[in-house]
PDB file of N, CA and C in Angstrom:
ATOM      1  N   MET A   1      87.138 131.559 111.422  1.00  0.00           N
ATOM      2  CA  MET A   1      87.229 131.020 112.758  1.00  0.00           C
ATOM      3  C   MET A   1      88.091 129.747 112.829  1.00  0.00           C
ATOM      4  N   PRO A   2      88.038 128.868 111.799  1.00  0.00           N
ATOM      5  CA  PRO A   2      88.909 127.678 111.865  1.00  0.00           C
ATOM      6  C   PRO A   2      90.393 128.036 111.925  1.00  0.00           C
ATOM      7  N   ALA A   3      90.788 129.083 111.213  1.00  0.00           N
ATOM      8  CA  ALA A   3      92.204 129.478 111.230  1.00  0.00           C
ATOM      9  C   ALA A   3      92.617 129.930 112.621  1.00  0.00           C
ATOM     10  N   LEU A   4      91.733 130.625 113.327  1.00  0.00           N
ATOM     11  CA  LEU A   4      92.042 131.075 114.682  1.00  0.00           C
ATOM     12  C   LEU A   4      92.178 129.878 115.625  1.00  0.00           C
ATOM     13  N   ARG A   5      91.271 128.921 115.516  1.00  0.00           N
ATOM     14  CA  ARG A   5      91.375 127.717 116.345  1.00  0.00           C
ATOM     15  C   ARG A   5      92.657 126.955 116.012  1.00  0.00           C
ATOM     16  N   GLY A   6      92.993 126.865 114.743  1.00  0.00           N
ATOM     17  CA  GLY A   6      94.222 126.184 114.343  1.00  0.00           C
ATOM     18  C   GLY A   6      95.459 126.887 114.863  1.00  0.00           C
ATOM     19  N   PHE A   7      95.438 128.224 114.814  1.00  0.00           N
ATOM     20  CA  PHE A   7      96.571 128.981 115.337  1.00  0.00           C
ATOM     21  C   PHE A   7      96.711 128.764 116.836  1.00  0.00           C
ATOM     22  N   LEU A   8      95.597 128.661 117.537  1.00  0.00           N
ATOM     23  CA  LEU A   8      95.657 128.391 118.979  1.00  0.00           C
ATOM     24  C   LEU A   8      96.231 126.996 119.250  1.00  0.00           C
ATOM     25  N   TRP A   9      95.898 126.017 118.400  1.00  0.00           N
ATOM     26  CA  TRP A   9      96.505 124.686 118.523  1.00  0.00           C
ATOM     27  C   TRP A   9      98.016 124.776 118.341  1.00  0.00           C
ATOM     28  N   LEU A  10      98.445 125.487 117.298  1.00  0.00           N
ATOM     29  CA  LEU A  10      99.879 125.627 117.035  1.00  0.00           C
ATOM     30  C   LEU A  10     100.584 126.340 118.183  1.00  0.00           C
ATOM     31  N   ALA A  11      99.959 127.404 118.685  1.00  0.00           N
ATOM     32  CA  ALA A  11     100.546 128.140 119.814  1.00  0.00           C
ATOM     33  C   ALA A  11     100.585 127.262 121.064  1.00  0.00           C
ATOM     34  N   GLY A  12      99.573 126.421 121.239  1.00  0.00           N
ATOM     35  CA  GLY A  12      99.554 125.515 122.381  1.00  0.00           C
ATOM     36  C   GLY A  12     100.691 124.508 122.332  1.00  0.00           C
ATOM     37  N   PHE A  13     100.974 123.981 121.162  1.00  0.00           N
ATOM     38  CA  PHE A  13     102.088 123.034 121.045  1.00  0.00           C
ATOM     39  C   PHE A  13     103.430 123.742 121.199  1.00  0.00           C
ATOM     40  N   LEU A  14     103.524 124.992 120.760  1.00  0.00           N
ATOM     41  CA  LEU A  14     104.743 125.756 121.014  1.00  0.00           C
ATOM     42  C   LEU A  14     104.928 125.967 122.514  1.00  0.00           C
ATOM     43  N   LEU A  15     103.846 126.299 123.211  1.00  0.00           N
ATOM     44  CA  LEU A  15     103.906 126.460 124.663  1.00  0.00           C
ATOM     45  C   LEU A  15     104.271 125.146 125.348  1.00  0.00           C
ATOM     46  N   LEU A  16     103.746 124.034 124.849  1.00  0.00           N
ATOM     47  CA  LEU A  16     104.116 122.724 125.386  1.00  0.00           C
ATOM     48  C   LEU A  16     105.616 122.485 125.204  1.00  0.00           C
ATOM     49  N   GLY A  17     106.139 122.831 124.038  1.00  0.00           N
ATOM     50  CA  GLY A  17     107.574 122.702 123.799  1.00  0.00           C
ATOM     51  C   GLY A  17     108.387 123.558 124.751  1.00  0.00           C
ATOM     52  N   GLU A  18     107.951 124.787 124.962  1.00  0.00           N
ATOM     53  CA  GLU A  18     108.637 125.684 125.902  1.00  0.00           C
ATOM     54  C   GLU A  18     108.640 125.085 127.304  1.00  0.00           C
ATOM     55  N   THR A  19     107.511 124.541 127.707  1.00  0.00           N
ATOM     56  CA  THR A  19     107.381 123.965 129.042  1.00  0.00           C
ATOM     57  C   THR A  19     108.271 122.733 129.209  1.00  0.00           C
ATOM     58  N   LEU A  20     108.253 121.835 128.222  1.00  0.00           N
ATOM     59  CA  LEU A  20     109.077 120.633 128.304  1.00  0.00           C
ATOM     60  C   LEU A  20     110.561 120.960 128.337  1.00  0.00           C
ATOM     61  N   VAL A  21     110.979 121.926 127.535  1.00  0.00           N
ATOM     62  CA  VAL A  21     112.398 122.317 127.522  1.00  0.00           C
ATOM     63  C   VAL A  21     112.798 122.901 128.869  1.00  0.00           C
ATOM     64  N   ALA A  22     111.922 123.729 129.451  1.00  0.00           N
ATOM     65  CA  ALA A  22     112.237 124.342 130.750  1.00  0.00           C
ATOM     66  C   ALA A  22     112.260 123.289 131.859  1.00  0.00           C
ATOM     67  N   TRP A  23     111.285 122.410 131.893  1.00  0.00           N
ATOM     68  CA  TRP A  23     111.204 121.399 132.953  1.00  0.00           C
ATOM     69  C   TRP A  23     112.291 120.344 132.864  1.00  0.00           C
ATOM     70  N   LEU A  24     112.569 119.899 131.642  1.00  0.00           N
ATOM     71  CA  LEU A  24     113.526 118.816 131.471  1.00  0.00           C
ATOM     72  C   LEU A  24     114.958 119.295 131.260  1.00  0.00           C
ATOM     73  N   GLY A  25     115.130 120.609 131.104  1.00  0.00           N
ATOM     74  CA  GLY A  25     116.471 121.151 130.897  1.00  0.00           C
ATOM     75  C   GLY A  25     117.087 120.708 129.584  1.00  0.00           C
ATOM     76  N   LEU A  26     116.271 120.556 128.565  1.00  0.00           N
ATOM     77  CA  LEU A  26     116.747 120.112 127.259  1.00  0.00           C
ATOM     78  C   LEU A  26     117.531 121.221 126.568  1.00  0.00           C
ATOM     79  N   THR A  27     118.462 120.834 125.726  1.00  0.00           N
ATOM     80  CA  THR A  27     119.236 121.820 124.966  1.00  0.00           C
ATOM     81  C   THR A  27     118.762 121.848 123.516  1.00  0.00           C
ATOM     82  N   VAL A  28     117.474 121.652 123.328  1.00  0.00           N
ATOM     83  CA  VAL A  28     116.851 121.646 122.016  1.00  0.00           C
ATOM     84  C   VAL A  28     115.913 122.842 121.951  1.00  0.00           C
ATOM     85  N   SER A  29     115.721 123.357 120.763  1.00  0.00           N
ATOM     86  CA  SER A  29     114.818 124.482 120.577  1.00  0.00           C
ATOM     87  C   SER A  29     113.403 124.099 121.009  1.00  0.00           C
ATOM     88  N   PRO A  30     112.742 124.957 121.772  1.00  0.00           N
ATOM     89  CA  PRO A  30     111.359 124.676 122.184  1.00  0.00           C
ATOM     90  C   PRO A  30     110.421 124.512 120.991  1.00  0.00           C
ATOM     91  N   GLY A  31     110.691 125.236 119.917  1.00  0.00           N
ATOM     92  CA  GLY A  31     109.866 125.099 118.726  1.00  0.00           C
ATOM     93  C   GLY A  31     109.976 123.711 118.122  1.00  0.00           C
ATOM     94  N   VAL A  32     111.182 123.138 118.146  1.00  0.00           N
ATOM     95  CA  VAL A  32     111.380 121.793 117.618  1.00  0.00           C
ATOM     96  C   VAL A  32     110.661 120.771 118.499  1.00  0.00           C
ATOM     97  N   VAL A  33     110.750 120.938 119.810  1.00  0.00           N
ATOM     98  CA  VAL A  33     110.068 120.022 120.731  1.00  0.00           C
ATOM     99  C   VAL A  33     108.554 120.113 120.532  1.00  0.00           C
ATOM    100  N   GLY A  34     108.036 121.330 120.403  1.00  0.00           N
ATOM    101  CA  GLY A  34     106.607 121.504 120.151  1.00  0.00           C
ATOM    102  C   GLY A  34     106.189 120.895 118.824  1.00  0.00           C
ATOM    103  N   LEU A  35     107.023 121.055 117.812  1.00  0.00           N
ATOM    104  CA  LEU A  35     106.719 120.487 116.496  1.00  0.00           C
ATOM    105  C   LEU A  35     106.728 118.963 116.548  1.00  0.00           C
ATOM    106  N   LEU A  36     107.657 118.383 117.274  1.00  0.00           N
ATOM    107  CA  LEU A  36     107.682 116.928 117.430  1.00  0.00           C
ATOM    108  C   LEU A  36     106.450 116.440 118.188  1.00  0.00           C
ATOM    109  N   ALA A  37     106.034 117.189 119.210  1.00  0.00           N
ATOM    110  CA  ALA A  37     104.818 116.830 119.945  1.00  0.00           C
ATOM    111  C   ALA A  37     103.594 116.925 119.030  1.00  0.00           C
ATOM    112  N   LEU A  38     103.531 117.973 118.222  1.00  0.00           N
ATOM    113  CA  LEU A  38     102.423 118.127 117.275  1.00  0.00           C
ATOM    114  C   LEU A  38     102.420 116.987 116.260  1.00  0.00           C
ATOM    115  N   THR A  39     103.589 116.625 115.759  1.00  0.00           N
ATOM    116  CA  THR A  39     103.689 115.526 114.792  1.00  0.00           C
ATOM    117  C   THR A  39     103.204 114.222 115.414  1.00  0.00           C
ATOM    118  N   GLY A  40     103.648 113.941 116.636  1.00  0.00           N
ATOM    119  CA  GLY A  40     103.198 112.731 117.319  1.00  0.00           C
ATOM    120  C   GLY A  40     101.697 112.728 117.545  1.00  0.00           C
ATOM    121  N   TRP A  41     101.158 113.860 117.939  1.00  0.00           N
ATOM    122  CA  TRP A  41      99.711 113.967 118.170  1.00  0.00           C
ATOM    123  C   TRP A  41      98.933 113.743 116.875  1.00  0.00           C
ATOM    124  N   LEU A  42      99.410 114.350 115.778  1.00  0.00           N
ATOM    125  CA  LEU A  42      98.726 114.166 114.495  1.00  0.00           C
ATOM    126  C   LEU A  42      98.829 112.721 114.011  1.00  0.00           C
ATOM    127  N   MET A  43      99.952 112.070 114.287  1.00  0.00           N
ATOM    128  CA  MET A  43     100.089 110.663 113.902  1.00  0.00           C
ATOM    129  C   MET A  43      99.114 109.798 114.697  1.00  0.00           C
ATOM    130  N   LEU A  44      98.942 110.098 115.978  1.00  0.00           N
ATOM    131  CA  LEU A  44      97.981 109.348 116.789  1.00  0.00           C
ATOM    132  C   LEU A  44      96.549 109.576 116.317  1.00  0.00           C
ATOM    133  N   ARG A  45      96.260 110.791 115.890  1.00  0.00           N
ATOM    134  CA  ARG A  45      94.914 111.119 115.413  1.00  0.00           C
ATOM    135  C   ARG A  45      94.652 110.570 114.016  1.00  0.00           C
ATOM    136  N   GLY A  46      95.705 110.301 113.273  1.00  0.00           N
ATOM    137  CA  GLY A  46      95.548 109.739 111.944  1.00  0.00           C
ATOM    138  C   GLY A  46      95.361 110.752 110.834  1.00  0.00           C
ATOM    139  N   GLY A  47      95.642 112.004 111.088  1.00  0.00           N
ATOM    140  CA  GLY A  47      95.522 113.013 110.046  1.00  0.00           C
ATOM    141  C   GLY A  47      95.574 114.419 110.624  1.00  0.00           C
ATOM    142  N   VAL A  48      95.559 115.380 109.728  1.00  0.00           N
ATOM    143  CA  VAL A  48      95.634 116.785 110.126  1.00  0.00           C
ATOM    144  C   VAL A  48      94.221 117.326 110.320  1.00  0.00           C
ATOM    145  N   GLU A  49      94.031 118.001 111.427  1.00  0.00           N
ATOM    146  CA  GLU A  49      92.749 118.637 111.701  1.00  0.00           C
ATOM    147  C   GLU A  49      92.527 119.773 110.697  1.00  0.00           C
ATOM    148  N   PRO A  50      91.289 119.973 110.246  1.00  0.00           N
ATOM    149  CA  PRO A  50      91.025 121.078 109.308  1.00  0.00           C
ATOM    150  C   PRO A  50      91.396 122.447 109.870  1.00  0.00           C
ATOM    151  N   ASP A  51      91.233 122.620 111.182  1.00  0.00           N
ATOM    152  CA  ASP A  51      91.598 123.906 111.794  1.00  0.00           C
ATOM    153  C   ASP A  51      93.100 124.156 111.703  1.00  0.00           C
ATOM    154  N   ILE A  52      93.885 123.132 111.993  1.00  0.00           N
ATOM    155  CA  ILE A  52      95.341 123.277 111.922  1.00  0.00           C
ATOM    156  C   ILE A  52      95.776 123.492 110.479  1.00  0.00           C
ATOM    157  N   GLN A  53      95.121 122.807 109.559  1.00  0.00           N
ATOM    158  CA  GLN A  53      95.441 122.993 108.147  1.00  0.00           C
ATOM    159  C   GLN A  53      95.134 124.424 107.708  1.00  0.00           C
ATOM    160  N   ALA A  54      94.008 124.972 108.160  1.00  0.00           N
ATOM    161  CA  ALA A  54      93.638 126.339 107.790  1.00  0.00           C
ATOM    162  C   ALA A  54      94.631 127.360 108.340  1.00  0.00           C
ATOM    163  N   ALA A  55      95.195 127.082 109.509  1.00  0.00           N
ATOM    164  CA  ALA A  55      96.159 128.016 110.097  1.00  0.00           C
ATOM    165  C   ALA A  55      97.550 127.853 109.502  1.00  0.00           C
ATOM    166  N   SER A  56      97.908 126.636 109.125  1.00  0.00           N
ATOM    167  CA  SER A  56      99.277 126.391 108.674  1.00  0.00           C
ATOM    168  C   SER A  56      99.521 126.784 107.217  1.00  0.00           C
ATOM    169  N   GLN A  57      98.507 126.739 106.377  1.00  0.00           N
ATOM    170  CA  GLN A  57      98.698 127.064 104.960  1.00  0.00           C
ATOM    171  C   GLN A  57      99.244 128.478 104.747  1.00  0.00           C
ATOM    172  N   PRO A  58      98.693 129.502 105.388  1.00  0.00           N
ATOM    173  CA  PRO A  58      99.287 130.844 105.209  1.00  0.00           C
ATOM    174  C   PRO A  58     100.709 130.929 105.765  1.00  0.00           C
ATOM    175  N   LEU A  59     101.013 130.178 106.825  1.00  0.00           N
ATOM    176  CA  LEU A  59     102.363 130.212 107.388  1.00  0.00           C
ATOM    177  C   LEU A  59     103.373 129.578 106.440  1.00  0.00           C
ATOM    178  N   ILE A  60     102.963 128.531 105.749  1.00  0.00           N
ATOM    179  CA  ILE A  60     103.858 127.889 104.784  1.00  0.00           C
ATOM    180  C   ILE A  60     104.191 128.860 103.647  1.00  0.00           C
ATOM    181  N   ALA A  61     103.226 129.695 103.277  1.00  0.00           N
ATOM    182  CA  ALA A  61     103.451 130.652 102.193  1.00  0.00           C
ATOM    183  C   ALA A  61     104.526 131.677 102.554  1.00  0.00           C
ATOM    184  N   VAL A  62     104.699 131.969 103.843  1.00  0.00           N
ATOM    185  CA  VAL A  62     105.695 132.959 104.264  1.00  0.00           C
ATOM    186  C   VAL A  62     106.837 132.301 105.051  1.00  0.00           C
ATOM    187  N   LEU A  63     107.079 131.026 104.789  1.00  0.00           N
ATOM    188  CA  LEU A  63     108.088 130.280 105.537  1.00  0.00           C
ATOM    189  C   LEU A  63     109.472 130.910 105.429  1.00  0.00           C
ATOM    190  N   ALA A  64     109.829 131.366 104.252  1.00  0.00           N
ATOM    191  CA  ALA A  64     111.157 131.987 104.078  1.00  0.00           C
ATOM    192  C   ALA A  64     111.303 133.208 104.976  1.00  0.00           C
ATOM    193  N   MET A  65     110.243 133.980 105.118  1.00  0.00           N
ATOM    194  CA  MET A  65     110.298 135.164 105.973  1.00  0.00           C
ATOM    195  C   MET A  65     110.403 134.766 107.445  1.00  0.00           C
ATOM    196  N   LEU A  66     109.801 133.635 107.835  1.00  0.00           N
ATOM    197  CA  LEU A  66     109.885 133.177 109.217  1.00  0.00           C
ATOM    198  C   LEU A  66     111.280 132.675 109.564  1.00  0.00           C
ATOM    199  N   ILE A  67     112.002 132.143 108.585  1.00  0.00           N
ATOM    200  CA  ILE A  67     113.346 131.614 108.815  1.00  0.00           C
ATOM    201  C   ILE A  67     114.396 132.725 108.759  1.00  0.00           C
ATOM    202  N   MET A  68     114.115 133.790 108.064  1.00  0.00           N
ATOM    203  CA  MET A  68     115.104 134.832 107.791  1.00  0.00           C
ATOM    204  C   MET A  68     115.782 135.422 109.034  1.00  0.00           C
ATOM    205  N   PRO A  69     115.094 135.700 110.144  1.00  0.00           N
ATOM    206  CA  PRO A  69     115.808 136.294 111.293  1.00  0.00           C
ATOM    207  C   PRO A  69     116.947 135.428 111.806  1.00  0.00           C
ATOM    208  N   GLY A  70     116.772 134.109 111.825  1.00  0.00           N
ATOM    209  CA  GLY A  70     117.861 133.231 112.264  1.00  0.00           C
ATOM    210  C   GLY A  70     119.026 133.242 111.315  1.00  0.00           C
ATOM    211  N   VAL A  71     118.745 133.317 110.038  1.00  0.00           N
ATOM    212  CA  VAL A  71     119.808 133.353 109.034  1.00  0.00           C
ATOM    213  C   VAL A  71     120.583 134.662 109.142  1.00  0.00           C
ATOM    214  N   VAL A  72     119.882 135.754 109.311  1.00  0.00           N
ATOM    215  CA  VAL A  72     120.539 137.055 109.438  1.00  0.00           C
ATOM    216  C   VAL A  72     121.365 137.109 110.717  1.00  0.00           C
ATOM    217  N   GLY A  73     120.891 136.481 111.778  1.00  0.00           N
ATOM    218  CA  GLY A  73     121.610 136.486 113.043  1.00  0.00           C
ATOM    219  C   GLY A  73     122.985 135.844 112.959  1.00  0.00           C
ATOM    220  N   VAL A  74     123.178 134.924 112.029  1.00  0.00           N
ATOM    221  CA  VAL A  74     124.478 134.266 111.872  1.00  0.00           C
ATOM    222  C   VAL A  74     125.554 135.290 111.522  1.00  0.00           C
ATOM    223  N   PHE A  75     125.203 136.318 110.789  1.00  0.00           N
ATOM    224  CA  PHE A  75     126.205 137.305 110.375  1.00  0.00           C
ATOM    225  C   PHE A  75     126.775 138.086 111.555  1.00  0.00           C
ATOM    226  N   PHE A  76     126.067 138.097 112.679  1.00  0.00           N
ATOM    227  CA  PHE A  76     126.563 138.808 113.845  1.00  0.00           C
ATOM    228  C   PHE A  76     127.514 137.956 114.678  1.00  0.00           C
ATOM    229  N   ILE A  77     127.616 136.674 114.370  1.00  0.00           N
ATOM    230  CA  ILE A  77     128.514 135.800 115.128  1.00  0.00           C
ATOM    231  C   ILE A  77     129.516 135.111 114.206  1.00  0.00           C
ATOM    232  N   LEU A  78     129.866 135.760 113.117  1.00  0.00           N
ATOM    233  CA  LEU A  78     130.813 135.162 112.164  1.00  0.00           C
ATOM    234  C   LEU A  78     132.156 134.825 112.804  1.00  0.00           C
ATOM    235  N   ASP A  79     132.596 135.620 113.772  1.00  0.00           N
ATOM    236  CA  ASP A  79     133.889 135.355 114.420  1.00  0.00           C
ATOM    237  C   ASP A  79     133.890 134.001 115.132  1.00  0.00           C
ATOM    238  N   ALA A  80     132.738 133.563 115.592  1.00  0.00           N
ATOM    239  CA  ALA A  80     132.657 132.268 116.283  1.00  0.00           C
ATOM    240  C   ALA A  80     132.896 131.108 115.322  1.00  0.00           C
ATOM    241  N   PHE A  81     132.698 131.347 114.025  1.00  0.00           N
ATOM    242  CA  PHE A  81     132.891 130.301 113.033  1.00  0.00           C
ATOM    243  C   PHE A  81     134.301 130.274 112.460  1.00  0.00           C
ATOM    244  N   ALA A  82     135.170 131.138 112.911  1.00  0.00           N
ATOM    245  CA  ALA A  82     136.533 131.183 112.383  1.00  0.00           C
ATOM    246  C   ALA A  82     137.216 129.835 112.597  1.00  0.00           C
ATOM    247  N   GLY A  83     137.727 129.276 111.520  1.00  0.00           N
ATOM    248  CA  GLY A  83     138.406 127.992 111.588  1.00  0.00           C
ATOM    249  C   GLY A  83     137.466 126.795 111.595  1.00  0.00           C
ATOM    250  N   GLN A  84     136.168 127.016 111.519  1.00  0.00           N
ATOM    251  CA  GLN A  84     135.188 125.929 111.576  1.00  0.00           C
ATOM    252  C   GLN A  84     134.406 125.774 110.278  1.00  0.00           C
ATOM    253  N   TRP A  85     134.874 126.399 109.202  1.00  0.00           N
ATOM    254  CA  TRP A  85     134.080 126.425 107.976  1.00  0.00           C
ATOM    255  C   TRP A  85     133.901 125.052 107.340  1.00  0.00           C
ATOM    256  N   LEU A  86     134.884 124.182 107.474  1.00  0.00           N
ATOM    257  CA  LEU A  86     134.746 122.839 106.919  1.00  0.00           C
ATOM    258  C   LEU A  86     133.633 122.068 107.654  1.00  0.00           C
ATOM    259  N   ALA A  87     133.630 122.180 108.974  1.00  0.00           N
ATOM    260  CA  ALA A  87     132.595 121.503 109.760  1.00  0.00           C
ATOM    261  C   ALA A  87     131.222 122.096 109.479  1.00  0.00           C
ATOM    262  N   VAL A  88     131.130 123.407 109.373  1.00  0.00           N
ATOM    263  CA  VAL A  88     129.855 124.068 109.088  1.00  0.00           C
ATOM    264  C   VAL A  88     129.349 123.665 107.700  1.00  0.00           C
ATOM    265  N   THR A  89     130.238 123.656 106.726  1.00  0.00           N
ATOM    266  CA  THR A  89     129.851 123.273 105.366  1.00  0.00           C
ATOM    267  C   THR A  89     129.394 121.818 105.316  1.00  0.00           C
ATOM    268  N   ALA A  90     130.125 120.944 105.975  1.00  0.00           N
ATOM    269  CA  ALA A  90     129.737 119.529 106.007  1.00  0.00           C
ATOM    270  C   ALA A  90     128.377 119.348 106.676  1.00  0.00           C
ATOM    271  N   ALA A  91     128.152 120.069 107.775  1.00  0.00           N
ATOM    272  CA  ALA A  91     126.867 119.976 108.468  1.00  0.00           C
ATOM    273  C   ALA A  91     125.729 120.490 107.586  1.00  0.00           C
ATOM    274  N   LEU A  92     125.968 121.579 106.870  1.00  0.00           N
ATOM    275  CA  LEU A  92     124.927 122.118 105.992  1.00  0.00           C
ATOM    276  C   LEU A  92     124.608 121.159 104.851  1.00  0.00           C
ATOM    277  N   VAL A  93     125.637 120.601 104.220  1.00  0.00           N
ATOM    278  CA  VAL A  93     125.413 119.686 103.093  1.00  0.00           C
ATOM    279  C   VAL A  93     124.722 118.412 103.571  1.00  0.00           C
ATOM    280  N   LEU A  94     125.244 117.798 104.634  1.00  0.00           N
ATOM    281  CA  LEU A  94     124.647 116.561 105.139  1.00  0.00           C
ATOM    282  C   LEU A  94     123.242 116.799 105.683  1.00  0.00           C
ATOM    283  N   GLY A  95     123.034 117.917 106.363  1.00  0.00           N
ATOM    284  CA  GLY A  95     121.707 118.240 106.878  1.00  0.00           C
ATOM    285  C   GLY A  95     120.700 118.461 105.765  1.00  0.00           C
ATOM    286  N   THR A  96     121.131 119.130 104.699  1.00  0.00           N
ATOM    287  CA  THR A  96     120.240 119.357 103.563  1.00  0.00           C
ATOM    288  C   THR A  96     119.887 118.043 102.880  1.00  0.00           C
ATOM    289  N   LEU A  97     120.880 117.198 102.665  1.00  0.00           N
ATOM    290  CA  LEU A  97     120.618 115.898 102.037  1.00  0.00           C
ATOM    291  C   LEU A  97     119.695 115.038 102.902  1.00  0.00           C
ATOM    292  N   ALA A  98     119.915 115.035 104.201  1.00  0.00           N
ATOM    293  CA  ALA A  98     119.050 114.267 105.105  1.00  0.00           C
ATOM    294  C   ALA A  98     117.630 114.821 105.103  1.00  0.00           C
ATOM    295  N   SER A  99     117.506 116.131 105.045  1.00  0.00           N
ATOM    296  CA  SER A  99     116.180 116.759 105.015  1.00  0.00           C
ATOM    297  C   SER A  99     115.430 116.412 103.736  1.00  0.00           C
ATOM    298  N   VAL A 100     116.117 116.480 102.610  1.00  0.00           N
ATOM    299  CA  VAL A 100     115.485 116.147 101.329  1.00  0.00           C
ATOM    300  C   VAL A 100     115.098 114.673 101.287  1.00  0.00           C
ATOM    301  N   ALA A 101     115.977 113.801 101.754  1.00  0.00           N
ATOM    302  CA  ALA A 101     115.681 112.365 101.757  1.00  0.00           C
ATOM    303  C   ALA A 101     114.502 112.051 102.671  1.00  0.00           C
ATOM    304  N   THR A 102     114.453 112.675 103.832  1.00  0.00           N
ATOM    305  CA  THR A 102     113.346 112.457 104.756  1.00  0.00           C
ATOM    306  C   THR A 102     112.038 112.959 104.174  1.00  0.00           C
ATOM    307  N   THR A 103     112.079 114.123 103.551  1.00  0.00           N
ATOM    308  CA  THR A 103     110.868 114.669 102.937  1.00  0.00           C
ATOM    309  C   THR A 103     110.368 113.760 101.825  1.00  0.00           C
ATOM    310  N   LEU A 104     111.269 113.272 100.992  1.00  0.00           N
ATOM    311  CA  LEU A 104     110.879 112.362  99.921  1.00  0.00           C
ATOM    312  C   LEU A 104     110.267 111.086 100.483  1.00  0.00           C
ATOM    313  N   TRP A 105     110.897 110.530 101.506  1.00  0.00           N
ATOM    314  CA  TRP A 105     110.388 109.310 102.124  1.00  0.00           C
ATOM    315  C   TRP A 105     108.985 109.532 102.690  1.00  0.00           C
ATOM    316  N   LEU A 106     108.780 110.666 103.380  1.00  0.00           N
ATOM    317  CA  LEU A 106     107.458 110.957 103.946  1.00  0.00           C
ATOM    318  C   LEU A 106     106.409 111.154 102.859  1.00  0.00           C
ATOM    319  N   ILE A 107     106.772 111.831 101.785  1.00  0.00           N
ATOM    320  CA  ILE A 107     105.820 112.038 100.694  1.00  0.00           C
ATOM    321  C   ILE A 107     105.430 110.698 100.087  1.00  0.00           C
ATOM    322  N   LEU A 108     106.416 109.843  99.824  1.00  0.00           N
ATOM    323  CA  LEU A 108     106.111 108.538  99.242  1.00  0.00           C
ATOM    324  C   LEU A 108     105.303 107.664 100.195  1.00  0.00           C
ATOM    325  N   ARG A 109     105.568 107.785 101.480  1.00  0.00           N
ATOM    326  CA  ARG A 109     104.851 106.981 102.468  1.00  0.00           C
ATOM    327  C   ARG A 109     103.424 107.471 102.672  1.00  0.00           C
ATOM    328  N   CYS A 110     103.225 108.780 102.636  1.00  0.00           N
ATOM    329  CA  CYS A 110     101.909 109.347 102.920  1.00  0.00           C
ATOM    330  C   CYS A 110     101.028 109.479 101.685  1.00  0.00           C
ATOM    331  N   LEU A 111     101.618 109.417 100.510  1.00  0.00           N
ATOM    332  CA  LEU A 111     100.847 109.533  99.281  1.00  0.00           C
ATOM    333  C   LEU A 111      99.967 108.301  99.121  1.00  0.00           C
ATOM    334  N   PRO A 112      98.685 108.474  98.863  1.00  0.00           N
ATOM    335  CA  PRO A 112      97.823 107.299  98.700  1.00  0.00           C
ATOM    336  C   PRO A 112      98.318 106.393  97.571  1.00  0.00           C
ATOM    337  N   GLN A 113      98.137 105.102  97.739  1.00  0.00           N
ATOM    338  CA  GLN A 113      98.605 104.116  96.761  1.00  0.00           C
ATOM    339  C   GLN A 113      97.993 104.360  95.389  1.00  0.00           C
ATOM    340  N   ALA A 114      96.727 104.781  95.330  1.00  0.00           N
ATOM    341  CA  ALA A 114      96.054 105.022  94.042  1.00  0.00           C
ATOM    342  C   ALA A 114      96.744 106.146  93.286  1.00  0.00           C
ATOM    343  N   SER A 115      97.194 107.183  93.973  1.00  0.00           N
ATOM    344  CA  SER A 115      97.852 108.303  93.301  1.00  0.00           C
ATOM    345  C   SER A 115      99.187 107.872  92.712  1.00  0.00           C
ATOM    346  N   ARG A 116      99.898 106.990  93.403  1.00  0.00           N
ATOM    347  CA  ARG A 116     101.183 106.541  92.901  1.00  0.00           C
ATOM    348  C   ARG A 116     101.007 105.692  91.660  1.00  0.00           C
ATOM    349  N   SER A 117      99.994 104.848  91.620  1.00  0.00           N
ATOM    350  CA  SER A 117      99.806 103.972  90.458  1.00  0.00           C
ATOM    351  C   SER A 117      99.271 104.740  89.245  1.00  0.00           C
ATOM    352  N   ASP A 118      98.579 105.878  89.467  1.00  0.00           N
ATOM    353  CA  ASP A 118      98.093 106.696  88.360  1.00  0.00           C
ATOM    354  C   ASP A 118      99.244 107.342  87.599  1.00  0.00           C
ATOM    355  N   ASP A 119     100.308 107.693  88.316  1.00  0.00           N
ATOM    356  CA  ASP A 119     101.445 108.374  87.679  1.00  0.00           C
ATOM    357  C   ASP A 119     102.383 107.397  86.979  1.00  0.00           C
ATOM    358  N   ASP A 120     102.356 106.144  87.350  1.00  0.00           N
ATOM    359  CA  ASP A 120     103.283 105.154  86.804  1.00  0.00           C
ATOM    360  C   ASP A 120     102.570 104.335  85.734  1.00  0.00           C
ATOM    361  N   PRO A 121     102.920 104.501  84.439  1.00  0.00           N
ATOM    362  CA  PRO A 121     102.227 103.775  83.375  1.00  0.00           C
ATOM    363  C   PRO A 121     102.520 102.276  83.393  1.00  0.00           C
ATOM    364  N   ASP A 122     103.630 101.864  84.034  1.00  0.00           N
ATOM    365  CA  ASP A 122     103.981 100.452  84.078  1.00  0.00           C
ATOM    366  C   ASP A 122     103.243  99.691  85.169  1.00  0.00           C
ATOM    367  N   ALA A 123     102.645 100.419  86.124  1.00  0.00           N
ATOM    368  CA  ALA A 123     101.984  99.740  87.254  1.00  0.00           C
ATOM    369  C   ALA A 123     100.640  99.167  86.875  1.00  0.00           C
TER     370      ALA A 123
END
């Protein structure tokens, strides 16, 4: 039952993202807007709800499968990228580096201080 409640929370934030994008005329993916709203809500609450955690863990396990349709869709619009490969490559490299740096920063920031000092013999 917790996974179902968590999935309803996730679906609710996706619906919130859809609504905000439609009302405000944003040119951002509704899923991204919903995810940002969920992140802000979790930051205000001070942690992840057990229900959301129960629903998100199985989704993380199949994350590659969830991303695959968008990746496959690129092959149908290859002509649109003609002459833009340098820009696309630069965006992919810089985006990947920014994503890795942000993830590292968040892990270091969210990791409890005691866990960090246990791994460092000099501390």
